[in-house]
Amino acid sequence: MLKSEQIREFKEKGYLVLPGFSGESFCESVVALAKSELQRQAMPIEFEADTQYPGAPLSRTAEGGATARRLLMASQRHPILLDWATADPLKGILHQLLGTDVLLSQAHHNCIMTKQPAFSSVTGWHRDSRYWNFARPDLISAWLALGDEQKENGCLLVLPGSHHWAIAADQLDERQFLRADLAKNTSLLDQTTPVPLKQGDLLLFHSNLFHAAGRNITDKTKFSMVFTYRSGDNPPKPNSRSTSQAEIPLL
């Protein structure tokens, strides 16, 4: 369970790291599963070419176009993944942060990230709430490092406290990324904070927190697992992408 100062840190900064949340054996078992799923191209998979981000292949048929970015629908790939995402100790922590009524969204994140050495793309500064549709942009994502993460292999970068910021429309581009070419954003981007993680560390972050990630310039794939949760009083908007998959209550 979280201590009061950890809850306060999450509310103030918009993110919290819990070191050694999951053991090495569990992490390695998920990596083995992910490698098997990649080997047999077990769909659904999002490919780097699908993102059209900087550094990504131009299409799935271009060189590197078959580079997988993430294995989608992790909750349905193996019972050990669903159990981790819906049972204690994570369930208890989410109840502390979101209340007693918590649901796992299967429509957002719900994946194993597979940032590969070749053709991995740069992810610009964004809030996940830019393409989610809920009553409030007030969800929490749980990111488990399945191996060590640092700047060299594309660990997450965050802007602490940015989930509280009021951002004008002209500070964002047409895809809702924070514009790095805008002078009024310079002081914001100067607050960039890398979040290096060790295998088994858990990163919790708010859906309105600005975050980004660089390319993986090492020779080894970086595996991470991420799920997203909402409180019961923050439902998805009808007929939106956020209702495209059934949600799973954490009982």
Foldseek 3Di string as FASTA:
>chain_A
DDDPVQLVQCVQFQKGKDAQQDDLVVLVVVVVLVVVCLVVVPDDFDFQCNVPAALAAVALPGVRSSHTFKHAQLCPSDVVSVCVVQDPPVVVVVCVNANPWKWWQSLPQNIKGWQAQHSGHWWFWAFQVLQFFKPDQWKKKKKAFSAWDDQQAKAKKWQTRQLPDDDDPVQADPSHGGDPPDPVCVVSCVSIDGDIGHHNMMMMGGRSTIMIIHHNNDRDITIMGMIMMHGPVIGGDPPGSSVVDDMGIND
